[in-house]
Structures are given as C-alpha cells and as structure tokens.
Amino acid sequence: MGTRTRPQTARSLGLVPTGLLVLGAIYCLLPVSWVLVSATKSPGELFTLSTFAPGSGFFDNLRQLNAYRDGVFWRWMANTALYAGGGALLSTLVSAASGFALAKYRFRGRNLIFNILIGGILVPSVVLAIPQYLLFAKLGLADTYWAVLLPQILHPYSIYLARVYAGVAIPDSLLEAGRIDGSGEWLLLTRVGLPLMVPGMVTVFLFQFVAIWNNFLLPFIMLGDDGKFPLTVGLYTLLAAGANQPSLYNLIITGALLSIIPLIALFLTMQRYWRTDLSGGAIKG
C-alpha cells in the first residue's frame, strides 16, 4: 500500500512545478500575443474591437510603417542590427580571450582582476551612462555609432561566464601537449581554446545581442541624430509623437512586432549549439 501511494504522491508533487512553469509561460507570452493581435488592427479597430480579437489592418499598418518618413523604421532596424551584431561579436571575442587568460594562466594580480570583474557585475549600467557620455563627449565621439558600440565591448558578466566555461571545457593537459608540440600561445588560443569554447561563446553572444538589442538608456543619452537611433529609441520617439497623432500607435505596435522577429530567429538558429554541447557532455560522461 505504501509503495503505491509514493508514486502517486511524487506525481502530484511534480504537477506543482509544472503548473508554475505553465503560469510563467502564460505570463511571458501574454504581452507578445497582445502585440501580435493588435498589429493586425486598423486605427479604428484598435480602440473598438475586443482585446484579443484580430483585425483586418495588418498590411495597411505595414505599408504605413514602411512609408513613414521615407522608411526611417528600416534605418532604425539596420542601426540596431549593427549595434547588436557588431557589439555582441566584439564583446564575445574579447570575453573569450579574457576568460581563457584568466582561467588557464597564472600571473600576478589575476585574482585581483577577477574580483574587480565580479564587482563590475554589481554596478548597474544606469550608473555608468552619464560618465560614459561625458567621456565620449570629450573625445568627440558623442552622437556617433562608436558611442553606442564601444561601451558594449567590455562586459564583466560575459568575461566571468567565459572564464568559468574555459576552466571546465579546456583541459590543461591538452594545452601542455600543444606546447610540447611547439605551438605558441596565440595558436593555442585560436586553434585549441576558442573551438572548445564555442557553446560558451554562443551563450555570451546571445546574452549580449539581446541586451544590446533591447538597450534604451545608452543610445538615448549618446545619440541626438534620429538617423542613428536604434529601434528602442526610435519607437520611443514614435510613442511620444503618438500623444498628438493617435494613428501612430498602430505603427508603434507593428514596429514592436517586427522588432521581436530577429530575436526569435536568432534563438531558433543558434540553439543547436547548446544541444550539441549537451550531447557531447553526455557522451563524455
């Protein structure tokens, strides 16, 4: 009798975390569903139809968004892709090289550097925004693409992740074998270290890409020319103008929907690296 009740109790207890995960998924997907449905509504339908009833104005919204100020939305999209793609790629390379050095080399001050990085994780980015603007203004780089790209390259949390991953994924014996064969340190990094760190680098790249794609405060402070705006700041200017032009709300919602699509595509494309790493770990185990 006791053996029968235990599996039933375990199943009933297992339903609790499953239910919490379902509630969390609904909580996260509800705003996305609202944006998806609202993007199909015309200006008249947006304020008259029920919240989750689809409308008939999606293609009209797309045409209006494309025509708004000679297609400035697509300029914002291209700027965001440049900031997020370029910044995430540079940050990933810098983080991988720094994490490899911190994990696999012994040198004076290594622990101090690592502790400073840990402290840097605790500093909110909003605290650094104004000092960064003043610094870039003195250098003459304010209101340029570099003002948004350069601050994203050095990211303490990404270096921390790369250091932890390099310490686990790269055996010291493999590096020693390479040195015995005559490989230099640069060759060990590029031919041995980075290939083994690819899953970790993908994680860092995705974190940085999403963070830069969604970043609002830094470009809002750094940029004055709306031709250099990313999507976050560009859609914010549309939202501010929508107070006097309610018809712009449809363009804002449609633009918000389009801004989500590249992130979804990126995650679906790069998730195979995680599956490969998990399969490799299972085989090794």
C-alpha atoms as a PDB file:
ATOM      1  CA  MET A   1       0.000   0.000   0.000  1.00  0.00           C
ATOM      2  CA  GLY A   2       2.800   2.361   0.890  1.00  0.00           C
ATOM      3  CA  THR A   3       4.650   1.652  -2.381  1.00  0.00           C
ATOM      4  CA  ARG A   4       1.537   2.570  -4.386  1.00  0.00           C
ATOM      5  CA  THR A   5       0.947   5.852  -2.645  1.00  0.00           C
ATOM      6  CA  ARG A   6       4.547   7.025  -3.072  1.00  0.00           C
ATOM      7  CA  PRO A   7       4.487   7.221  -6.891  1.00  0.00           C
ATOM      8  CA  GLN A   8       1.099   8.955  -6.748  1.00  0.00           C
ATOM      9  CA  THR A   9       2.445  11.457  -4.217  1.00  0.00           C
ATOM     10  CA  ALA A  10       5.533  12.039  -6.365  1.00  0.00           C
ATOM     11  CA  ARG A  11       3.343  12.634  -9.438  1.00  0.00           C
ATOM     12  CA  SER A  12       1.103  15.060  -7.567  1.00  0.00           C
ATOM     13  CA  LEU A  13       4.137  16.942  -6.269  1.00  0.00           C
ATOM     14  CA  GLY A  14       5.558  17.024  -9.813  1.00  0.00           C
ATOM     15  CA  LEU A  15       2.423  18.814 -11.020  1.00  0.00           C
ATOM     16  CA  VAL A  16       3.231  21.818  -8.831  1.00  0.00           C
ATOM     17  CA  PRO A  17       6.418  22.927 -10.643  1.00  0.00           C
ATOM     18  CA  THR A  18       4.805  22.072 -13.984  1.00  0.00           C
ATOM     19  CA  GLY A  19       1.848  24.299 -13.138  1.00  0.00           C
ATOM     20  CA  LEU A  20       4.183  27.108 -12.074  1.00  0.00           C
ATOM     21  CA  LEU A  21       6.091  26.803 -15.359  1.00  0.00           C
ATOM     22  CA  VAL A  22       2.845  26.943 -17.333  1.00  0.00           C
ATOM     23  CA  LEU A  23       1.755  30.060 -15.430  1.00  0.00           C
ATOM     24  CA  GLY A  24       5.155  31.628 -16.069  1.00  0.00           C
ATOM     25  CA  ALA A  25       4.916  30.826 -19.775  1.00  0.00           C
ATOM     26  CA  ILE A  26       1.442  32.390 -19.977  1.00  0.00           C
ATOM     27  CA  TYR A  27       2.689  35.469 -18.125  1.00  0.00           C
ATOM     28  CA  CYS A  28       5.582  35.873 -20.589  1.00  0.00           C
ATOM     29  CA  LEU A  29       3.614  35.089 -23.757  1.00  0.00           C
ATOM     30  CA  LEU A  30       0.530  37.175 -22.972  1.00  0.00           C
ATOM     31  CA  PRO A  31       2.102  40.550 -23.901  1.00  0.00           C
ATOM     32  CA  VAL A  32       3.586  39.018 -27.062  1.00  0.00           C
ATOM     33  CA  SER A  33       0.160  37.648 -28.007  1.00  0.00           C
ATOM     34  CA  TRP A  34      -1.396  41.065 -27.437  1.00  0.00           C
ATOM     35  CA  VAL A  35       1.198  42.717 -29.707  1.00  0.00           C
ATOM     36  CA  LEU A  36       0.647  40.054 -32.371  1.00  0.00           C
ATOM     37  CA  VAL A  37      -3.119  40.545 -32.359  1.00  0.00           C
ATOM     38  CA  SER A  38      -3.018  44.333 -32.048  1.00  0.00           C
ATOM     39  CA  ALA A  39      -0.661  44.629 -35.036  1.00  0.00           C
ATOM     40  CA  THR A  40      -3.483  43.285 -37.213  1.00  0.00           C
ATOM     41  CA  LYS A  41      -5.900  46.071 -36.251  1.00  0.00           C
ATOM     42  CA  SER A  42      -6.570  49.300 -38.080  1.00  0.00           C
ATOM     43  CA  PRO A  43      -6.586  52.610 -36.129  1.00  0.00           C
ATOM     44  CA  GLY A  44     -10.355  52.375 -35.722  1.00  0.00           C
ATOM     45  CA  GLU A  45     -10.304  48.727 -34.656  1.00  0.00           C
ATOM     46  CA  LEU A  46      -7.506  49.193 -32.129  1.00  0.00           C
ATOM     47  CA  PHE A  47      -9.758  51.053 -29.709  1.00  0.00           C
ATOM     48  CA  THR A  48     -13.094  49.401 -30.560  1.00  0.00           C
ATOM     49  CA  LEU A  49     -12.534  45.648 -31.028  1.00  0.00           C
ATOM     50  CA  SER A  50     -12.094  43.378 -28.022  1.00  0.00           C
ATOM     51  CA  THR A  51      -8.518  42.950 -26.812  1.00  0.00           C
ATOM     52  CA  PHE A  52      -7.737  39.587 -28.401  1.00  0.00           C
ATOM     53  CA  ALA A  53      -9.958  39.822 -31.472  1.00  0.00           C
ATOM     54  CA  PRO A  54      -7.828  40.039 -34.650  1.00  0.00           C
ATOM     55  CA  GLY A  55      -8.385  42.907 -37.037  1.00  0.00           C
ATOM     56  CA  SER A  56      -8.007  43.485 -40.767  1.00  0.00           C
ATOM     57  CA  GLY A  57      -5.387  46.215 -40.975  1.00  0.00           C
ATOM     58  CA  PHE A  58      -2.047  44.395 -40.712  1.00  0.00           C
ATOM     59  CA  PHE A  59      -0.912  45.007 -44.286  1.00  0.00           C
ATOM     60  CA  ASP A  60      -2.095  48.626 -44.170  1.00  0.00           C
ATOM     61  CA  ASN A  61      -0.051  49.062 -40.985  1.00  0.00           C
ATOM     62  CA  LEU A  62       2.991  47.600 -42.737  1.00  0.00           C
ATOM     63  CA  ARG A  63       2.580  49.943 -45.696  1.00  0.00           C
ATOM     64  CA  GLN A  64       2.205  52.969 -43.440  1.00  0.00           C
ATOM     65  CA  LEU A  65       5.197  51.950 -41.349  1.00  0.00           C
ATOM     66  CA  ASN A  66       7.267  51.481 -44.494  1.00  0.00           C
ATOM     67  CA  ALA A  67       6.207  54.899 -45.803  1.00  0.00           C
ATOM     68  CA  TYR A  68       6.644  56.782 -42.521  1.00  0.00           C
ATOM     69  CA  ARG A  69       9.373  59.406 -43.033  1.00  0.00           C
ATOM     70  CA  ASP A  70      10.704  57.588 -46.113  1.00  0.00           C
ATOM     71  CA  GLY A  71      11.179  54.291 -44.287  1.00  0.00           C
ATOM     72  CA  VAL A  72      13.083  55.547 -41.248  1.00  0.00           C
ATOM     73  CA  PHE A  73      11.920  52.454 -39.361  1.00  0.00           C
ATOM     74  CA  TRP A  74      14.151  50.231 -41.509  1.00  0.00           C
ATOM     75  CA  ARG A  75      17.041  52.593 -40.856  1.00  0.00           C
ATOM     76  CA  TRP A  76      16.435  52.068 -37.145  1.00  0.00           C
ATOM     77  CA  MET A  77      16.307  48.317 -37.720  1.00  0.00           C
ATOM     78  CA  ALA A  78      19.635  48.390 -39.589  1.00  0.00           C
ATOM     79  CA  ASN A  79      21.205  50.518 -36.839  1.00  0.00           C
ATOM     80  CA  THR A  80      20.001  48.063 -34.196  1.00  0.00           C
ATOM     81  CA  ALA A  81      21.419  45.120 -36.148  1.00  0.00           C
ATOM     82  CA  LEU A  82      24.752  46.962 -36.380  1.00  0.00           C
ATOM     83  CA  TYR A  83      24.841  47.828 -32.679  1.00  0.00           C
ATOM     84  CA  ALA A  84      23.678  44.407 -31.501  1.00  0.00           C
ATOM     85  CA  GLY A  85      25.541  42.258 -34.025  1.00  0.00           C
ATOM     86  CA  GLY A  86      28.811  44.202 -34.015  1.00  0.00           C
ATOM     87  CA  GLY A  87      28.785  44.857 -30.276  1.00  0.00           C
ATOM     88  CA  ALA A  88      27.913  41.260 -29.381  1.00  0.00           C
ATOM     89  CA  LEU A  89      30.555  39.835 -31.738  1.00  0.00           C
ATOM     90  CA  LEU A  90      33.333  42.093 -30.427  1.00  0.00           C
ATOM     91  CA  SER A  91      32.233  41.521 -26.830  1.00  0.00           C
ATOM     92  CA  THR A  92      32.227  37.740 -27.358  1.00  0.00           C
ATOM     93  CA  LEU A  93      35.768  37.731 -28.769  1.00  0.00           C
ATOM     94  CA  VAL A  94      37.107  39.979 -26.007  1.00  0.00           C
ATOM     95  CA  SER A  95      35.298  37.975 -23.327  1.00  0.00           C
ATOM     96  CA  ALA A  96      36.519  34.635 -24.711  1.00  0.00           C
ATOM     97  CA  ALA A  97      40.158  35.760 -24.858  1.00  0.00           C
ATOM     98  CA  SER A  98      39.957  37.355 -21.392  1.00  0.00           C
ATOM     99  CA  GLY A  99      38.192  34.343 -19.877  1.00  0.00           C
ATOM    100  CA  PHE A 100      40.740  31.973 -21.421  1.00  0.00           C
ATOM    101  CA  ALA A 101      43.620  34.003 -19.973  1.00  0.00           C
ATOM    102  CA  LEU A 102      42.051  34.217 -16.517  1.00  0.00           C
ATOM    103  CA  ALA A 103      41.239  30.501 -16.453  1.00  0.00           C
ATOM    104  CA  LYS A 104      44.412  28.998 -17.921  1.00  0.00           C
ATOM    105  CA  TYR A 105      47.281  31.303 -16.978  1.00  0.00           C
ATOM    106  CA  ARG A 106      48.822  32.028 -13.596  1.00  0.00           C
ATOM    107  CA  PHE A 107      50.106  35.590 -13.260  1.00  0.00           C
ATOM    108  CA  ARG A 108      50.418  38.234 -10.588  1.00  0.00           C
ATOM    109  CA  GLY A 109      47.195  40.145  -9.991  1.00  0.00           C
ATOM    110  CA  ARG A 110      44.965  37.537 -11.617  1.00  0.00           C
ATOM    111  CA  ASN A 111      42.695  37.166  -8.589  1.00  0.00           C
ATOM    112  CA  LEU A 112      42.544  40.944  -8.149  1.00  0.00           C
ATOM    113  CA  ILE A 113      41.449  41.410 -11.771  1.00  0.00           C
ATOM    114  CA  PHE A 114      38.831  38.693 -11.388  1.00  0.00           C
ATOM    115  CA  ASN A 115      37.495  40.257  -8.164  1.00  0.00           C
ATOM    116  CA  ILE A 116      37.247  43.644  -9.872  1.00  0.00           C
ATOM    117  CA  LEU A 117      35.249  41.996 -12.652  1.00  0.00           C
ATOM    118  CA  ILE A 118      32.922  40.444 -10.096  1.00  0.00           C
ATOM    119  CA  GLY A 119      32.474  43.879  -8.558  1.00  0.00           C
ATOM    120  CA  GLY A 120      31.756  45.307 -12.009  1.00  0.00           C
ATOM    121  CA  ILE A 121      28.835  42.901 -12.383  1.00  0.00           C
ATOM    122  CA  LEU A 122      27.195  44.539  -9.364  1.00  0.00           C
ATOM    123  CA  VAL A 123      27.370  48.060 -10.846  1.00  0.00           C
ATOM    124  CA  PRO A 124      24.116  48.947 -12.691  1.00  0.00           C
ATOM    125  CA  SER A 125      24.638  50.196 -16.236  1.00  0.00           C
ATOM    126  CA  VAL A 126      22.435  53.212 -15.498  1.00  0.00           C
ATOM    127  CA  VAL A 127      25.107  54.482 -13.078  1.00  0.00           C
ATOM    128  CA  LEU A 128      27.741  54.461 -15.842  1.00  0.00           C
ATOM    129  CA  ALA A 129      25.638  56.076 -18.587  1.00  0.00           C
ATOM    130  CA  ILE A 130      26.272  59.737 -17.700  1.00  0.00           C
ATOM    131  CA  PRO A 131      30.046  59.329 -17.036  1.00  0.00           C
ATOM    132  CA  GLN A 132      30.339  57.457 -20.327  1.00  0.00           C
ATOM    133  CA  TYR A 133      28.555  60.262 -22.165  1.00  0.00           C
ATOM    134  CA  LEU A 134      30.866  62.897 -20.637  1.00  0.00           C
ATOM    135  CA  LEU A 135      33.911  60.831 -21.589  1.00  0.00           C
ATOM    136  CA  PHE A 136      32.765  60.312 -25.181  1.00  0.00           C
ATOM    137  CA  ALA A 137      31.805  63.980 -25.482  1.00  0.00           C
ATOM    138  CA  LYS A 138      35.371  64.969 -24.516  1.00  0.00           C
ATOM    139  CA  LEU A 139      36.726  62.568 -27.123  1.00  0.00           C
ATOM    140  CA  GLY A 140      34.377  63.966 -29.770  1.00  0.00           C
ATOM    141  CA  LEU A 141      32.597  60.640 -30.192  1.00  0.00           C
ATOM    142  CA  ALA A 142      29.189  61.596 -28.797  1.00  0.00           C
ATOM    143  CA  ASP A 143      26.348  61.247 -31.310  1.00  0.00           C
ATOM    144  CA  THR A 144      28.319  58.692 -33.335  1.00  0.00           C
ATOM    145  CA  TYR A 145      27.923  54.952 -33.862  1.00  0.00           C
ATOM    146  CA  TRP A 146      31.065  54.379 -31.780  1.00  0.00           C
ATOM    147  CA  ALA A 147      29.394  55.960 -28.744  1.00  0.00           C
ATOM    148  CA  VAL A 148      26.944  53.044 -28.655  1.00  0.00           C
ATOM    149  CA  LEU A 149      29.283  50.289 -29.866  1.00  0.00           C
ATOM    150  CA  LEU A 150      32.376  50.806 -27.717  1.00  0.00           C
ATOM    151  CA  PRO A 151      30.761  50.695 -24.234  1.00  0.00           C
ATOM    152  CA  GLN A 152      29.236  47.308 -25.078  1.00  0.00           C
ATOM    153  CA  ILE A 153      32.526  45.558 -25.862  1.00  0.00           C
ATOM    154  CA  LEU A 154      33.846  45.096 -22.322  1.00  0.00           C
ATOM    155  CA  HIS A 155      31.186  43.315 -20.278  1.00  0.00           C
ATOM    156  CA  PRO A 156      32.200  41.904 -16.860  1.00  0.00           C
ATOM    157  CA  TYR A 157      29.499  39.239 -16.699  1.00  0.00           C
ATOM    158  CA  SER A 158      30.419  37.894 -20.144  1.00  0.00           C
ATOM    159  CA  ILE A 159      34.089  37.646 -19.119  1.00  0.00           C
ATOM    160  CA  TYR A 160      33.010  35.841 -15.945  1.00  0.00           C
ATOM    161  CA  LEU A 161      30.974  33.316 -17.967  1.00  0.00           C
ATOM    162  CA  ALA A 162      33.834  32.796 -20.416  1.00  0.00           C
ATOM    163  CA  ARG A 163      36.283  32.262 -17.566  1.00  0.00           C
ATOM    164  CA  VAL A 164      34.068  29.655 -15.896  1.00  0.00           C
ATOM    165  CA  TYR A 165      33.417  27.841 -19.189  1.00  0.00           C
ATOM    166  CA  ALA A 166      37.085  27.871 -20.243  1.00  0.00           C
ATOM    167  CA  GLY A 167      38.107  26.440 -16.888  1.00  0.00           C
ATOM    168  CA  VAL A 168      35.804  23.454 -17.390  1.00  0.00           C
ATOM    169  CA  ALA A 169      35.910  22.895 -21.159  1.00  0.00           C
ATOM    170  CA  ILE A 170      39.656  23.178 -21.856  1.00  0.00           C
ATOM    171  CA  PRO A 171      41.884  20.541 -20.185  1.00  0.00           C
ATOM    172  CA  ASP A 172      45.272  21.784 -19.015  1.00  0.00           C
ATOM    173  CA  SER A 173      46.827  18.588 -20.372  1.00  0.00           C
ATOM    174  CA  LEU A 174      45.673  19.497 -23.880  1.00  0.00           C
ATOM    175  CA  LEU A 175      47.382  22.879 -23.672  1.00  0.00           C
ATOM    176  CA  GLU A 176      50.564  21.288 -22.332  1.00  0.00           C
ATOM    177  CA  ALA A 177      50.553  18.789 -25.202  1.00  0.00           C
ATOM    178  CA  GLY A 178      50.259  21.682 -27.629  1.00  0.00           C
ATOM    179  CA  ARG A 179      53.206  23.482 -26.033  1.00  0.00           C
ATOM    180  CA  ILE A 180      55.295  20.311 -26.215  1.00  0.00           C
ATOM    181  CA  ASP A 181      54.497  20.134 -29.942  1.00  0.00           C
ATOM    182  CA  GLY A 182      55.781  23.685 -30.337  1.00  0.00           C
ATOM    183  CA  SER A 183      52.520  25.633 -30.524  1.00  0.00           C
ATOM    184  CA  GLY A 184      52.661  29.260 -29.444  1.00  0.00           C
ATOM    185  CA  GLU A 185      50.173  30.830 -27.054  1.00  0.00           C
ATOM    186  CA  TRP A 186      48.260  32.584 -29.847  1.00  0.00           C
ATOM    187  CA  LEU A 187      47.924  29.286 -31.708  1.00  0.00           C
ATOM    188  CA  LEU A 188      46.710  27.572 -28.532  1.00  0.00           C
ATOM    189  CA  LEU A 189      44.036  30.235 -28.136  1.00  0.00           C
ATOM    190  CA  THR A 190      42.804  30.223 -31.735  1.00  0.00           C
ATOM    191  CA  ARG A 191      43.190  26.521 -32.597  1.00  0.00           C
ATOM    192  CA  VAL A 192      42.566  24.847 -29.239  1.00  0.00           C
ATOM    193  CA  GLY A 193      40.845  27.210 -26.810  1.00  0.00           C
ATOM    194  CA  LEU A 194      38.248  29.002 -28.933  1.00  0.00           C
ATOM    195  CA  PRO A 195      36.930  25.875 -30.754  1.00  0.00           C
ATOM    196  CA  LEU A 196      36.321  24.177 -27.398  1.00  0.00           C
ATOM    197  CA  MET A 197      34.616  27.322 -26.083  1.00  0.00           C
ATOM    198  CA  VAL A 198      32.115  27.653 -28.955  1.00  0.00           C
ATOM    199  CA  PRO A 199      28.994  26.703 -26.908  1.00  0.00           C
ATOM    200  CA  GLY A 200      30.004  29.133 -24.169  1.00  0.00           C
ATOM    201  CA  MET A 201      30.753  31.827 -26.741  1.00  0.00           C
ATOM    202  CA  VAL A 202      27.327  31.306 -28.292  1.00  0.00           C
ATOM    203  CA  THR A 203      25.766  31.861 -24.864  1.00  0.00           C
ATOM    204  CA  VAL A 204      27.755  35.063 -24.353  1.00  0.00           C
ATOM    205  CA  PHE A 205      26.876  36.252 -27.866  1.00  0.00           C
ATOM    206  CA  LEU A 206      23.157  35.668 -27.340  1.00  0.00           C
ATOM    207  CA  PHE A 207      23.138  37.395 -23.942  1.00  0.00           C
ATOM    208  CA  GLN A 208      24.969  40.398 -25.343  1.00  0.00           C
ATOM    209  CA  PHE A 209      22.941  40.522 -28.552  1.00  0.00           C
ATOM    210  CA  VAL A 210      19.634  40.565 -26.676  1.00  0.00           C
ATOM    211  CA  ALA A 211      20.926  43.084 -24.111  1.00  0.00           C
ATOM    212  CA  ILE A 212      22.171  45.487 -26.803  1.00  0.00           C
ATOM    213  CA  TRP A 213      19.080  44.964 -28.982  1.00  0.00           C
ATOM    214  CA  ASN A 214      16.844  45.946 -26.070  1.00  0.00           C
ATOM    215  CA  ASN A 215      19.123  48.673 -24.706  1.00  0.00           C
ATOM    216  CA  PHE A 216      17.402  52.038 -24.436  1.00  0.00           C
ATOM    217  CA  LEU A 217      19.230  54.272 -21.988  1.00  0.00           C
ATOM    218  CA  LEU A 218      22.719  54.300 -23.536  1.00  0.00           C
ATOM    219  CA  PRO A 219      21.688  55.228 -27.114  1.00  0.00           C
ATOM    220  CA  PHE A 220      19.053  57.611 -25.755  1.00  0.00           C
ATOM    221  CA  ILE A 221      21.777  59.539 -23.902  1.00  0.00           C
ATOM    222  CA  MET A 222      24.522  59.225 -26.508  1.00  0.00           C
ATOM    223  CA  LEU A 223      22.629  59.983 -29.721  1.00  0.00           C
ATOM    224  CA  GLY A 224      20.919  63.145 -30.928  1.00  0.00           C
ATOM    225  CA  ASP A 225      20.548  62.356 -34.635  1.00  0.00           C
ATOM    226  CA  ASP A 226      17.447  60.215 -35.153  1.00  0.00           C
ATOM    227  CA  GLY A 227      19.093  58.698 -38.222  1.00  0.00           C
ATOM    228  CA  LYS A 228      21.426  56.831 -35.849  1.00  0.00           C
ATOM    229  CA  PHE A 229      18.696  55.710 -33.429  1.00  0.00           C
ATOM    230  CA  PRO A 230      18.143  52.015 -32.686  1.00  0.00           C
ATOM    231  CA  LEU A 231      14.634  50.585 -32.599  1.00  0.00           C
ATOM    232  CA  THR A 232      14.138  51.176 -28.878  1.00  0.00           C
ATOM    233  CA  VAL A 233      14.787  54.915 -29.094  1.00  0.00           C
ATOM    234  CA  GLY A 234      13.088  55.253 -32.472  1.00  0.00           C
ATOM    235  CA  LEU A 235       9.880  53.611 -31.285  1.00  0.00           C
ATOM    236  CA  TYR A 236      10.023  55.770 -28.157  1.00  0.00           C
ATOM    237  CA  THR A 237      10.026  58.910 -30.331  1.00  0.00           C
ATOM    238  CA  LEU A 238       7.007  57.497 -32.184  1.00  0.00           C
ATOM    239  CA  LEU A 239       5.294  56.862 -28.862  1.00  0.00           C
ATOM    240  CA  ALA A 240       5.953  60.446 -27.763  1.00  0.00           C
ATOM    241  CA  ALA A 241       4.539  61.741 -31.059  1.00  0.00           C
ATOM    242  CA  GLY A 242       1.524  59.427 -30.694  1.00  0.00           C
ATOM    243  CA  ALA A 243       0.122  61.660 -27.947  1.00  0.00           C
ATOM    244  CA  ASN A 244      -0.779  64.173 -30.679  1.00  0.00           C
ATOM    245  CA  GLN A 245      -1.254  61.636 -33.510  1.00  0.00           C
ATOM    246  CA  PRO A 246      -3.150  58.568 -32.228  1.00  0.00           C
ATOM    247  CA  SER A 247      -2.830  56.911 -35.647  1.00  0.00           C
ATOM    248  CA  LEU A 248       0.873  56.357 -34.881  1.00  0.00           C
ATOM    249  CA  TYR A 249       0.003  53.825 -32.190  1.00  0.00           C
ATOM    250  CA  ASN A 250      -0.637  51.219 -34.880  1.00  0.00           C
ATOM    251  CA  LEU A 251       2.796  51.872 -36.360  1.00  0.00           C
ATOM    252  CA  ILE A 252       4.395  51.537 -32.901  1.00  0.00           C
ATOM    253  CA  ILE A 253       2.725  48.175 -32.265  1.00  0.00           C
ATOM    254  CA  THR A 254       3.571  46.876 -35.735  1.00  0.00           C
ATOM    255  CA  GLY A 255       7.164  48.048 -35.311  1.00  0.00           C
ATOM    256  CA  ALA A 256       7.362  46.343 -31.919  1.00  0.00           C
ATOM    257  CA  LEU A 257       6.177  43.088 -33.503  1.00  0.00           C
ATOM    258  CA  LEU A 258       8.774  43.321 -36.274  1.00  0.00           C
ATOM    259  CA  SER A 259      11.496  44.045 -33.709  1.00  0.00           C
ATOM    260  CA  ILE A 260      10.814  40.720 -31.944  1.00  0.00           C
ATOM    261  CA  ILE A 261      11.190  38.571 -35.070  1.00  0.00           C
ATOM    262  CA  PRO A 262      15.030  38.794 -35.391  1.00  0.00           C
ATOM    263  CA  LEU A 263      15.473  37.745 -31.750  1.00  0.00           C
ATOM    264  CA  ILE A 264      13.229  34.705 -32.196  1.00  0.00           C
ATOM    265  CA  ALA A 265      15.038  33.748 -35.416  1.00  0.00           C
ATOM    266  CA  LEU A 266      18.431  34.097 -33.723  1.00  0.00           C
ATOM    267  CA  PHE A 267      17.482  31.840 -30.809  1.00  0.00           C
ATOM    268  CA  LEU A 268      15.997  29.201 -33.108  1.00  0.00           C
ATOM    269  CA  THR A 269      19.098  29.276 -35.307  1.00  0.00           C
ATOM    270  CA  MET A 270      21.718  29.061 -32.566  1.00  0.00           C
ATOM    271  CA  GLN A 271      20.058  26.676 -30.114  1.00  0.00           C
ATOM    272  CA  ARG A 272      21.639  23.706 -31.907  1.00  0.00           C
ATOM    273  CA  TYR A 273      24.998  24.651 -30.360  1.00  0.00           C
ATOM    274  CA  TRP A 274      23.536  24.039 -26.900  1.00  0.00           C
ATOM    275  CA  ARG A 275      22.095  20.696 -27.980  1.00  0.00           C
ATOM    276  CA  THR A 276      25.467  19.690 -29.407  1.00  0.00           C
ATOM    277  CA  ASP A 277      27.240  20.634 -26.186  1.00  0.00           C
ATOM    278  CA  LEU A 278      24.756  18.723 -24.041  1.00  0.00           C
ATOM    279  CA  SER A 279      25.103  15.633 -26.256  1.00  0.00           C
ATOM    280  CA  GLY A 280      28.881  15.858 -26.077  1.00  0.00           C
ATOM    281  CA  GLY A 281      28.760  16.105 -22.295  1.00  0.00           C
ATOM    282  CA  ALA A 282      26.506  13.039 -22.105  1.00  0.00           C
ATOM    283  CA  ILE A 283      28.897  11.018 -24.307  1.00  0.00           C
ATOM    284  CA  LYS A 284      31.904  12.069 -22.224  1.00  0.00           C
ATOM    285  CA  GLY A 285      30.082  11.141 -19.049  1.00  0.00           C
END
